[in-house]
Amino acid sequence: MNENWMQKWEEVKDIMVCPTDLETYFTSNEILGQKMETMAIGNVSLPSGKVVVRDPLVYLSSNEKPYFIQAPKGNFPVTIAVVKSEDWGDRYAVVKVEFTKEKPVVYREALIGIEELEGVTEDDFFGFGVDAGLGCITDAEVLPSVDKFVAETDVDNVYDDYFAGIFEQSYKDHPDNQREAGDWINWTVPNTNYQIPMFASGFGDGSYPVYFAYDASGDICGLYIQFIDIELALSEEGDEDDVDGDEDNEPENFIFLKD
């Protein structure tokens, strides 16, 4: 990130906003005929306030850059807004980290500071990539502990040989809004007190936007991951294949949902 990039970001930051009031996913019982439910999944540890959102099975290491915006430091509650659809099943639509109780008035996309901003429009977003059907929220200061765990864990496949059992236990302990293989966990990195929430990513693999929410005073009050835009998914512009509830249309490496 350099001065020229920051100058360009100042020019486009009010273009790169979420057109949806994401907080309504947490306060509404129904959106466009789709039943909504919320689910608290514990805290996330943000010791430095340098937030990292990634697919935990593919893109989580100390090499990953955090968002350049400084978030509050500490442990903060994480909540998932679940859309309960007859066609899609129970899907995780939005994930929220609540920094304060203030109401969001604008959601600006979270960026790491190297994105190409020239020519960006209000329809564009950068997002983070998901290749294993999962997202997670953590902190740059936590990542070395994750690296250490991976290096010291003597397994052939960290999901099959380690995480799968934890996800299955999550379903047994909290069966609501999960499938039998488990759709979320709040993982404590071994030999630390750091908590990393992990969760199913909406319709599976893809790229998903992340937003910092700001209150009326211009202060950061939350972080939101948008997995499903319900209005878009229901519209004729949505990709019908992406919202088909048939298991055959799930990505092959949506591994944590497979029996």
C-alpha atoms as a PDB file:
ATOM      1  CA  MET A   1       0.000   0.000   0.000  1.00  0.00           C
ATOM      2  CA  ASN A   2       1.391   3.394  -0.938  1.00  0.00           C
ATOM      3  CA  GLU A   3       0.339   7.031  -1.018  1.00  0.00           C
ATOM      4  CA  ASN A   4      -1.022   6.811  -4.563  1.00  0.00           C
ATOM      5  CA  TRP A   5      -3.158   3.802  -3.665  1.00  0.00           C
ATOM      6  CA  MET A   6      -4.513   5.552  -0.576  1.00  0.00           C
ATOM      7  CA  GLN A   7      -5.373   8.617  -2.632  1.00  0.00           C
ATOM      8  CA  LYS A   8      -7.273   6.463  -5.122  1.00  0.00           C
ATOM      9  CA  TRP A   9      -9.054   4.648  -2.293  1.00  0.00           C
ATOM     10  CA  GLU A  10     -10.224   7.974  -0.872  1.00  0.00           C
ATOM     11  CA  GLU A  11     -11.713   8.719  -4.299  1.00  0.00           C
ATOM     12  CA  VAL A  12     -13.601   5.423  -4.624  1.00  0.00           C
ATOM     13  CA  LYS A  13     -14.332   4.339  -1.039  1.00  0.00           C
ATOM     14  CA  ASP A  14     -17.874   5.682  -1.208  1.00  0.00           C
ATOM     15  CA  ILE A  15     -18.448   3.799  -4.463  1.00  0.00           C
ATOM     16  CA  MET A  16     -17.295   0.490  -3.000  1.00  0.00           C
ATOM     17  CA  VAL A  17     -20.157   0.191  -0.547  1.00  0.00           C
ATOM     18  CA  CYS A  18     -22.707  -2.540  -0.020  1.00  0.00           C
ATOM     19  CA  PRO A  19     -26.107  -1.572  -1.482  1.00  0.00           C
ATOM     20  CA  THR A  20     -27.829  -3.815   1.075  1.00  0.00           C
ATOM     21  CA  ASP A  21     -28.277  -2.911   4.725  1.00  0.00           C
ATOM     22  CA  LEU A  22     -26.654  -6.099   5.984  1.00  0.00           C
ATOM     23  CA  GLU A  23     -27.795  -5.540   9.549  1.00  0.00           C
ATOM     24  CA  THR A  24     -31.379  -6.209   8.402  1.00  0.00           C
ATOM     25  CA  TYR A  25     -30.361  -9.841   7.886  1.00  0.00           C
ATOM     26  CA  PHE A  26     -29.937  -9.997  11.666  1.00  0.00           C
ATOM     27  CA  THR A  27     -33.021  -8.008  12.648  1.00  0.00           C
ATOM     28  CA  SER A  28     -35.626  -9.369  10.196  1.00  0.00           C
ATOM     29  CA  ASN A  29     -37.652 -12.529  10.702  1.00  0.00           C
ATOM     30  CA  GLU A  30     -38.191 -12.753   6.946  1.00  0.00           C
ATOM     31  CA  ILE A  31     -36.613 -11.259   3.825  1.00  0.00           C
ATOM     32  CA  LEU A  32     -38.527 -11.480   0.528  1.00  0.00           C
ATOM     33  CA  GLY A  33     -40.458 -14.478   1.775  1.00  0.00           C
ATOM     34  CA  GLN A  34     -37.365 -16.280   3.073  1.00  0.00           C
ATOM     35  CA  LYS A  35     -37.347 -17.086   6.788  1.00  0.00           C
ATOM     36  CA  MET A  36     -34.341 -15.722   8.673  1.00  0.00           C
ATOM     37  CA  GLU A  37     -32.702 -16.875  11.883  1.00  0.00           C
ATOM     38  CA  THR A  38     -29.589 -15.777  13.757  1.00  0.00           C
ATOM     39  CA  MET A  39     -27.023 -17.950  15.462  1.00  0.00           C
ATOM     40  CA  ALA A  40     -24.282 -16.862  17.885  1.00  0.00           C
ATOM     41  CA  ILE A  41     -21.075 -18.886  17.490  1.00  0.00           C
ATOM     42  CA  GLY A  42     -18.828 -17.387  20.163  1.00  0.00           C
ATOM     43  CA  ASN A  43     -16.013 -14.867  19.972  1.00  0.00           C
ATOM     44  CA  VAL A  44     -13.205 -14.130  17.550  1.00  0.00           C
ATOM     45  CA  SER A  45      -9.771 -13.128  18.869  1.00  0.00           C
ATOM     46  CA  LEU A  46      -8.383  -9.940  17.322  1.00  0.00           C
ATOM     47  CA  PRO A  47      -5.298  -9.140  19.423  1.00  0.00           C
ATOM     48  CA  SER A  48      -3.898  -6.604  16.945  1.00  0.00           C
ATOM     49  CA  GLY A  49      -7.091  -5.538  15.162  1.00  0.00           C
ATOM     50  CA  LYS A  50      -5.507  -6.469  11.824  1.00  0.00           C
ATOM     51  CA  VAL A  51      -8.332  -8.578  10.442  1.00  0.00           C
ATOM     52  CA  VAL A  52      -7.851 -11.503   8.065  1.00  0.00           C
ATOM     53  CA  VAL A  53     -10.804 -13.263   6.392  1.00  0.00           C
ATOM     54  CA  ARG A  54      -9.893 -16.349   4.369  1.00  0.00           C
ATOM     55  CA  ASP A  55     -10.747 -19.924   3.468  1.00  0.00           C
ATOM     56  CA  PRO A  56      -9.086 -21.666   6.441  1.00  0.00           C
ATOM     57  CA  LEU A  57      -8.239 -24.869   4.582  1.00  0.00           C
ATOM     58  CA  VAL A  58      -6.584 -23.250   1.573  1.00  0.00           C
ATOM     59  CA  TYR A  59      -5.450 -19.681   2.205  1.00  0.00           C
ATOM     60  CA  LEU A  60      -4.640 -19.341   5.904  1.00  0.00           C
ATOM     61  CA  SER A  61      -0.985 -18.664   6.742  1.00  0.00           C
ATOM     62  CA  SER A  62       1.314 -15.864   7.853  1.00  0.00           C
ATOM     63  CA  ASN A  63       1.800 -14.961   4.194  1.00  0.00           C
ATOM     64  CA  GLU A  64      -1.738 -13.579   4.014  1.00  0.00           C
ATOM     65  CA  LYS A  65      -2.091  -9.815   4.312  1.00  0.00           C
ATOM     66  CA  PRO A  66      -4.701  -8.311   6.646  1.00  0.00           C
ATOM     67  CA  TYR A  67      -7.124  -5.561   5.731  1.00  0.00           C
ATOM     68  CA  PHE A  68      -5.435  -2.190   5.909  1.00  0.00           C
ATOM     69  CA  ILE A  69      -8.154  -0.611   8.035  1.00  0.00           C
ATOM     70  CA  GLN A  70      -7.370  -0.834  11.741  1.00  0.00           C
ATOM     71  CA  ALA A  71     -10.185  -2.592  13.591  1.00  0.00           C
ATOM     72  CA  PRO A  72     -10.704  -2.594  17.353  1.00  0.00           C
ATOM     73  CA  LYS A  73      -8.554  -4.976  19.387  1.00  0.00           C
ATOM     74  CA  GLY A  74      -9.994  -7.638  21.643  1.00  0.00           C
ATOM     75  CA  ASN A  75     -12.441 -10.531  21.640  1.00  0.00           C
ATOM     76  CA  PHE A  76     -15.714  -9.869  19.850  1.00  0.00           C
ATOM     77  CA  PRO A  77     -18.959 -11.825  19.345  1.00  0.00           C
ATOM     78  CA  VAL A  78     -19.643 -13.465  15.995  1.00  0.00           C
ATOM     79  CA  THR A  79     -23.180 -14.072  14.733  1.00  0.00           C
ATOM     80  CA  ILE A  80     -24.435 -15.798  11.589  1.00  0.00           C
ATOM     81  CA  ALA A  81     -27.619 -14.797   9.756  1.00  0.00           C
ATOM     82  CA  VAL A  82     -29.151 -18.002   8.390  1.00  0.00           C
ATOM     83  CA  VAL A  83     -31.613 -18.034   5.498  1.00  0.00           C
ATOM     84  CA  LYS A  84     -33.948 -21.015   5.870  1.00  0.00           C
ATOM     85  CA  SER A  85     -35.173 -21.711   2.356  1.00  0.00           C
ATOM     86  CA  GLU A  86     -37.342 -24.535   1.060  1.00  0.00           C
ATOM     87  CA  ASP A  87     -35.309 -24.487  -2.160  1.00  0.00           C
ATOM     88  CA  TRP A  88     -31.794 -23.960  -0.814  1.00  0.00           C
ATOM     89  CA  GLY A  89     -31.980 -25.495   2.637  1.00  0.00           C
ATOM     90  CA  ASP A  90     -30.389 -23.689   5.575  1.00  0.00           C
ATOM     91  CA  ARG A  91     -27.635 -21.428   4.239  1.00  0.00           C
ATOM     92  CA  TYR A  92     -25.328 -18.982   5.975  1.00  0.00           C
ATOM     93  CA  ALA A  93     -26.088 -15.640   4.334  1.00  0.00           C
ATOM     94  CA  VAL A  94     -24.099 -13.098   6.361  1.00  0.00           C
ATOM     95  CA  VAL A  95     -21.544 -13.369   9.161  1.00  0.00           C
ATOM     96  CA  LYS A  96     -21.097 -10.437  11.537  1.00  0.00           C
ATOM     97  CA  VAL A  97     -18.425  -9.419  14.031  1.00  0.00           C
ATOM     98  CA  GLU A  98     -19.949  -6.882  16.407  1.00  0.00           C
ATOM     99  CA  PHE A  99     -17.466  -4.282  17.629  1.00  0.00           C
ATOM    100  CA  THR A 100     -20.055  -1.937  19.174  1.00  0.00           C
ATOM    101  CA  LYS A 101     -23.831  -1.718  19.617  1.00  0.00           C
ATOM    102  CA  GLU A 102     -24.076   1.278  17.293  1.00  0.00           C
ATOM    103  CA  LYS A 103     -26.242   0.996  14.174  1.00  0.00           C
ATOM    104  CA  PRO A 104     -24.363   0.796  10.845  1.00  0.00           C
ATOM    105  CA  VAL A 105     -25.115   3.530   8.332  1.00  0.00           C
ATOM    106  CA  VAL A 106     -22.642   2.510   5.617  1.00  0.00           C
ATOM    107  CA  TYR A 107     -20.703  -0.647   4.710  1.00  0.00           C
ATOM    108  CA  ARG A 108     -17.377  -0.092   2.911  1.00  0.00           C
ATOM    109  CA  GLU A 109     -15.509  -2.991   1.351  1.00  0.00           C
ATOM    110  CA  ALA A 110     -12.554  -4.281   3.354  1.00  0.00           C
ATOM    111  CA  LEU A 111      -9.362  -4.171   1.267  1.00  0.00           C
ATOM    112  CA  ILE A 112      -5.755  -5.175   1.876  1.00  0.00           C
ATOM    113  CA  GLY A 113      -4.225  -2.220   0.024  1.00  0.00           C
ATOM    114  CA  ILE A 114      -2.945  -3.687  -3.254  1.00  0.00           C
ATOM    115  CA  GLU A 115      -6.186  -3.943  -5.241  1.00  0.00           C
ATOM    116  CA  GLU A 116      -6.419  -2.296  -8.666  1.00  0.00           C
ATOM    117  CA  LEU A 117      -8.898   0.509  -8.054  1.00  0.00           C
ATOM    118  CA  GLU A 118      -8.746   2.209 -11.439  1.00  0.00           C
ATOM    119  CA  GLY A 119     -12.122   2.051 -13.150  1.00  0.00           C
ATOM    120  CA  VAL A 120     -13.874   0.391 -10.230  1.00  0.00           C
ATOM    121  CA  THR A 121     -17.668   0.745 -10.249  1.00  0.00           C
ATOM    122  CA  GLU A 122     -20.413   0.319  -7.670  1.00  0.00           C
ATOM    123  CA  ASP A 123     -21.146  -3.135  -9.094  1.00  0.00           C
ATOM    124  CA  ASP A 124     -17.597  -4.372  -8.435  1.00  0.00           C
ATOM    125  CA  PHE A 125     -16.137  -6.063  -5.392  1.00  0.00           C
ATOM    126  CA  PHE A 126     -12.829  -7.809  -4.690  1.00  0.00           C
ATOM    127  CA  GLY A 127     -13.731 -10.169  -1.879  1.00  0.00           C
ATOM    128  CA  PHE A 128     -11.869 -13.258  -0.706  1.00  0.00           C
ATOM    129  CA  GLY A 129     -11.655 -16.596  -2.460  1.00  0.00           C
ATOM    130  CA  VAL A 130     -13.184 -19.823  -1.167  1.00  0.00           C
ATOM    131  CA  ASP A 131     -12.036 -23.156  -2.601  1.00  0.00           C
ATOM    132  CA  ALA A 132     -12.985 -25.574   0.195  1.00  0.00           C
ATOM    133  CA  GLY A 133     -16.454 -24.341   1.113  1.00  0.00           C
ATOM    134  CA  LEU A 134     -15.364 -22.517   4.280  1.00  0.00           C
ATOM    135  CA  GLY A 135     -14.595 -19.038   5.516  1.00  0.00           C
ATOM    136  CA  CYS A 136     -13.008 -17.879   8.758  1.00  0.00           C
ATOM    137  CA  ILE A 137     -12.167 -14.688  10.624  1.00  0.00           C
ATOM    138  CA  THR A 138      -8.878 -14.160  12.413  1.00  0.00           C
ATOM    139  CA  ASP A 139      -6.065 -11.699  13.092  1.00  0.00           C
ATOM    140  CA  ALA A 140      -2.622 -11.279  11.549  1.00  0.00           C
ATOM    141  CA  GLU A 141      -1.066 -11.756  14.990  1.00  0.00           C
ATOM    142  CA  VAL A 142      -2.754 -15.154  15.318  1.00  0.00           C
ATOM    143  CA  LEU A 143      -1.456 -16.551  12.028  1.00  0.00           C
ATOM    144  CA  PRO A 144       2.040 -17.555  13.263  1.00  0.00           C
ATOM    145  CA  SER A 145       0.333 -19.788  15.832  1.00  0.00           C
ATOM    146  CA  VAL A 146      -1.695 -21.368  13.026  1.00  0.00           C
ATOM    147  CA  ASP A 147       1.507 -21.947  11.045  1.00  0.00           C
ATOM    148  CA  LYS A 148       3.094 -23.582  14.080  1.00  0.00           C
ATOM    149  CA  PHE A 149       0.096 -25.862  14.590  1.00  0.00           C
ATOM    150  CA  VAL A 150       0.100 -26.971  10.947  1.00  0.00           C
ATOM    151  CA  ALA A 151       3.859 -27.577  10.965  1.00  0.00           C
ATOM    152  CA  GLU A 152       3.693 -29.670  14.133  1.00  0.00           C
ATOM    153  CA  THR A 153       0.553 -31.632  13.244  1.00  0.00           C
ATOM    154  CA  ASP A 154       1.555 -34.989  11.819  1.00  0.00           C
ATOM    155  CA  VAL A 155      -1.404 -35.729   9.534  1.00  0.00           C
ATOM    156  CA  ASP A 156      -1.809 -36.418   5.835  1.00  0.00           C
ATOM    157  CA  ASN A 157      -4.867 -34.196   5.438  1.00  0.00           C
ATOM    158  CA  VAL A 158      -5.567 -31.515   8.036  1.00  0.00           C
ATOM    159  CA  TYR A 159      -9.289 -31.545   7.294  1.00  0.00           C
ATOM    160  CA  ASP A 160      -9.916 -35.282   7.117  1.00  0.00           C
ATOM    161  CA  ASP A 161      -7.541 -36.158   9.944  1.00  0.00           C
ATOM    162  CA  TYR A 162      -8.193 -33.240  12.291  1.00  0.00           C
ATOM    163  CA  PHE A 163     -10.950 -30.731  11.534  1.00  0.00           C
ATOM    164  CA  ALA A 164     -13.605 -33.187  10.322  1.00  0.00           C
ATOM    165  CA  GLY A 165     -14.048 -34.610  13.803  1.00  0.00           C
ATOM    166  CA  ILE A 166     -14.370 -31.136  15.318  1.00  0.00           C
ATOM    167  CA  PHE A 167     -17.034 -30.159  12.788  1.00  0.00           C
ATOM    168  CA  GLU A 168     -18.940 -33.381  13.467  1.00  0.00           C
ATOM    169  CA  GLN A 169     -18.835 -32.674  17.194  1.00  0.00           C
ATOM    170  CA  SER A 170     -20.152 -29.175  16.549  1.00  0.00           C
ATOM    171  CA  TYR A 171     -23.226 -30.685  14.911  1.00  0.00           C
ATOM    172  CA  LYS A 172     -23.742 -33.043  17.849  1.00  0.00           C
ATOM    173  CA  ASP A 173     -23.449 -30.174  20.328  1.00  0.00           C
ATOM    174  CA  HIS A 174     -25.392 -27.594  18.273  1.00  0.00           C
ATOM    175  CA  PRO A 175     -27.539 -29.357  15.633  1.00  0.00           C
ATOM    176  CA  ASP A 176     -29.657 -26.332  14.714  1.00  0.00           C
ATOM    177  CA  ASN A 177     -28.817 -24.887  11.285  1.00  0.00           C
ATOM    178  CA  GLN A 178     -26.113 -27.482  10.643  1.00  0.00           C
ATOM    179  CA  ARG A 179     -25.837 -30.651   8.620  1.00  0.00           C
ATOM    180  CA  GLU A 180     -24.494 -33.857  10.127  1.00  0.00           C
ATOM    181  CA  ALA A 181     -20.916 -33.260   9.017  1.00  0.00           C
ATOM    182  CA  GLY A 182     -20.988 -29.862  10.720  1.00  0.00           C
ATOM    183  CA  ASP A 183     -21.206 -26.388   9.199  1.00  0.00           C
ATOM    184  CA  TRP A 184     -19.409 -24.264  11.784  1.00  0.00           C
ATOM    185  CA  ILE A 185     -16.888 -24.444  14.602  1.00  0.00           C
ATOM    186  CA  ASN A 186     -15.194 -21.973  16.913  1.00  0.00           C
ATOM    187  CA  TRP A 187     -11.670 -23.331  16.915  1.00  0.00           C
ATOM    188  CA  THR A 188      -9.180 -22.496  19.646  1.00  0.00           C
ATOM    189  CA  VAL A 189      -5.677 -22.702  18.184  1.00  0.00           C
ATOM    190  CA  PRO A 190      -3.895 -25.406  20.229  1.00  0.00           C
ATOM    191  CA  ASN A 191      -1.628 -24.125  23.009  1.00  0.00           C
ATOM    192  CA  THR A 192      -3.136 -20.624  22.728  1.00  0.00           C
ATOM    193  CA  ASN A 193      -6.277 -18.773  23.773  1.00  0.00           C
ATOM    194  CA  TYR A 194      -6.915 -17.562  20.223  1.00  0.00           C
ATOM    195  CA  GLN A 195     -10.371 -18.308  18.834  1.00  0.00           C
ATOM    196  CA  ILE A 196     -10.987 -18.612  15.080  1.00  0.00           C
ATOM    197  CA  PRO A 197     -14.619 -19.060  13.981  1.00  0.00           C
ATOM    198  CA  MET A 198     -14.989 -21.158  10.814  1.00  0.00           C
ATOM    199  CA  PHE A 199     -18.244 -21.506   8.869  1.00  0.00           C
ATOM    200  CA  ALA A 200     -19.840 -22.730   5.651  1.00  0.00           C
ATOM    201  CA  SER A 201     -19.663 -20.203   2.831  1.00  0.00           C
ATOM    202  CA  GLY A 202     -23.174 -19.623   1.544  1.00  0.00           C
ATOM    203  CA  PHE A 203     -23.567 -21.552  -1.707  1.00  0.00           C
ATOM    204  CA  GLY A 204     -20.030 -22.989  -1.574  1.00  0.00           C
ATOM    205  CA  ASP A 205     -16.923 -21.982  -3.490  1.00  0.00           C
ATOM    206  CA  GLY A 206     -16.546 -18.540  -5.018  1.00  0.00           C
ATOM    207  CA  SER A 207     -15.535 -15.005  -4.129  1.00  0.00           C
ATOM    208  CA  TYR A 208     -17.323 -13.138  -1.353  1.00  0.00           C
ATOM    209  CA  PRO A 209     -17.174  -9.484  -0.259  1.00  0.00           C
ATOM    210  CA  VAL A 210     -16.263  -8.349   3.244  1.00  0.00           C
ATOM    211  CA  TYR A 211     -17.317  -4.970   4.621  1.00  0.00           C
ATOM    212  CA  PHE A 212     -16.411  -2.759   7.546  1.00  0.00           C
ATOM    213  CA  ALA A 213     -19.544  -1.120   8.941  1.00  0.00           C
ATOM    214  CA  TYR A 214     -19.449   2.480  10.116  1.00  0.00           C
ATOM    215  CA  ASP A 215     -21.886   4.225  12.451  1.00  0.00           C
ATOM    216  CA  ALA A 216     -23.304   7.747  12.204  1.00  0.00           C
ATOM    217  CA  SER A 217     -20.172   9.136  13.883  1.00  0.00           C
ATOM    218  CA  GLY A 218     -17.915   7.533  11.282  1.00  0.00           C
ATOM    219  CA  ASP A 219     -16.545   4.932  13.692  1.00  0.00           C
ATOM    220  CA  ILE A 220     -16.196   1.236  12.869  1.00  0.00           C
ATOM    221  CA  CYS A 221     -18.977  -0.717  14.542  1.00  0.00           C
ATOM    222  CA  GLY A 222     -18.765  -4.098  12.829  1.00  0.00           C
ATOM    223  CA  LEU A 223     -17.409  -6.367  10.126  1.00  0.00           C
ATOM    224  CA  TYR A 224     -19.755  -8.245   7.774  1.00  0.00           C
ATOM    225  CA  ILE A 225     -19.131 -11.091   5.326  1.00  0.00           C
ATOM    226  CA  GLN A 226     -21.838 -11.300   2.656  1.00  0.00           C
ATOM    227  CA  PHE A 227     -22.226 -14.845   1.380  1.00  0.00           C
ATOM    228  CA  ILE A 228     -25.736 -14.538  -0.041  1.00  0.00           C
ATOM    229  CA  ASP A 229     -27.552 -11.522  -1.458  1.00  0.00           C
ATOM    230  CA  ILE A 230     -31.085 -12.840  -1.064  1.00  0.00           C
ATOM    231  CA  GLU A 231     -32.639 -10.343  -3.449  1.00  0.00           C
ATOM    232  CA  LEU A 232     -30.098 -11.164  -6.143  1.00  0.00           C
ATOM    233  CA  ALA A 233     -30.392 -14.895  -5.564  1.00  0.00           C
ATOM    234  CA  LEU A 234     -34.162 -14.706  -6.032  1.00  0.00           C
ATOM    235  CA  SER A 235     -34.055 -12.450  -9.064  1.00  0.00           C
ATOM    236  CA  GLU A 236     -33.942 -13.508 -12.686  1.00  0.00           C
ATOM    237  CA  GLU A 237     -30.378 -12.193 -12.786  1.00  0.00           C
ATOM    238  CA  GLY A 238     -29.270 -14.814 -10.276  1.00  0.00           C
ATOM    239  CA  ASP A 239     -27.621 -17.964 -11.559  1.00  0.00           C
ATOM    240  CA  GLU A 240     -30.241 -20.682 -11.139  1.00  0.00           C
ATOM    241  CA  ASP A 241     -27.544 -23.351 -10.959  1.00  0.00           C
ATOM    242  CA  ASP A 242     -26.017 -21.635  -7.929  1.00  0.00           C
ATOM    243  CA  VAL A 243     -29.258 -21.693  -5.968  1.00  0.00           C
ATOM    244  CA  ASP A 244     -30.395 -25.196  -6.887  1.00  0.00           C
ATOM    245  CA  GLY A 245     -30.743 -27.238  -3.723  1.00  0.00           C
ATOM    246  CA  ASP A 246     -29.621 -30.462  -5.457  1.00  0.00           C
ATOM    247  CA  GLU A 247     -26.452 -31.872  -3.864  1.00  0.00           C
ATOM    248  CA  ASP A 248     -25.116 -32.714  -7.330  1.00  0.00           C
ATOM    249  CA  ASN A 249     -24.577 -29.001  -7.895  1.00  0.00           C
ATOM    250  CA  GLU A 250     -22.348 -28.535  -4.858  1.00  0.00           C
ATOM    251  CA  PRO A 251     -18.675 -27.947  -5.685  1.00  0.00           C
ATOM    252  CA  GLU A 252     -16.692 -31.175  -5.582  1.00  0.00           C
ATOM    253  CA  ASN A 253     -14.407 -29.810  -2.899  1.00  0.00           C
ATOM    254  CA  PHE A 254     -17.276 -28.649  -0.688  1.00  0.00           C
ATOM    255  CA  ILE A 255     -15.739 -31.401   1.400  1.00  0.00           C
ATOM    256  CA  PHE A 256     -17.071 -30.691   4.855  1.00  0.00           C
ATOM    257  CA  LEU A 257     -20.633 -31.354   3.714  1.00  0.00           C
ATOM    258  CA  LYS A 258     -19.981 -34.749   2.143  1.00  0.00           C
ATOM    259  CA  ASP A 259     -21.177 -37.879   3.902  1.00  0.00           C
END
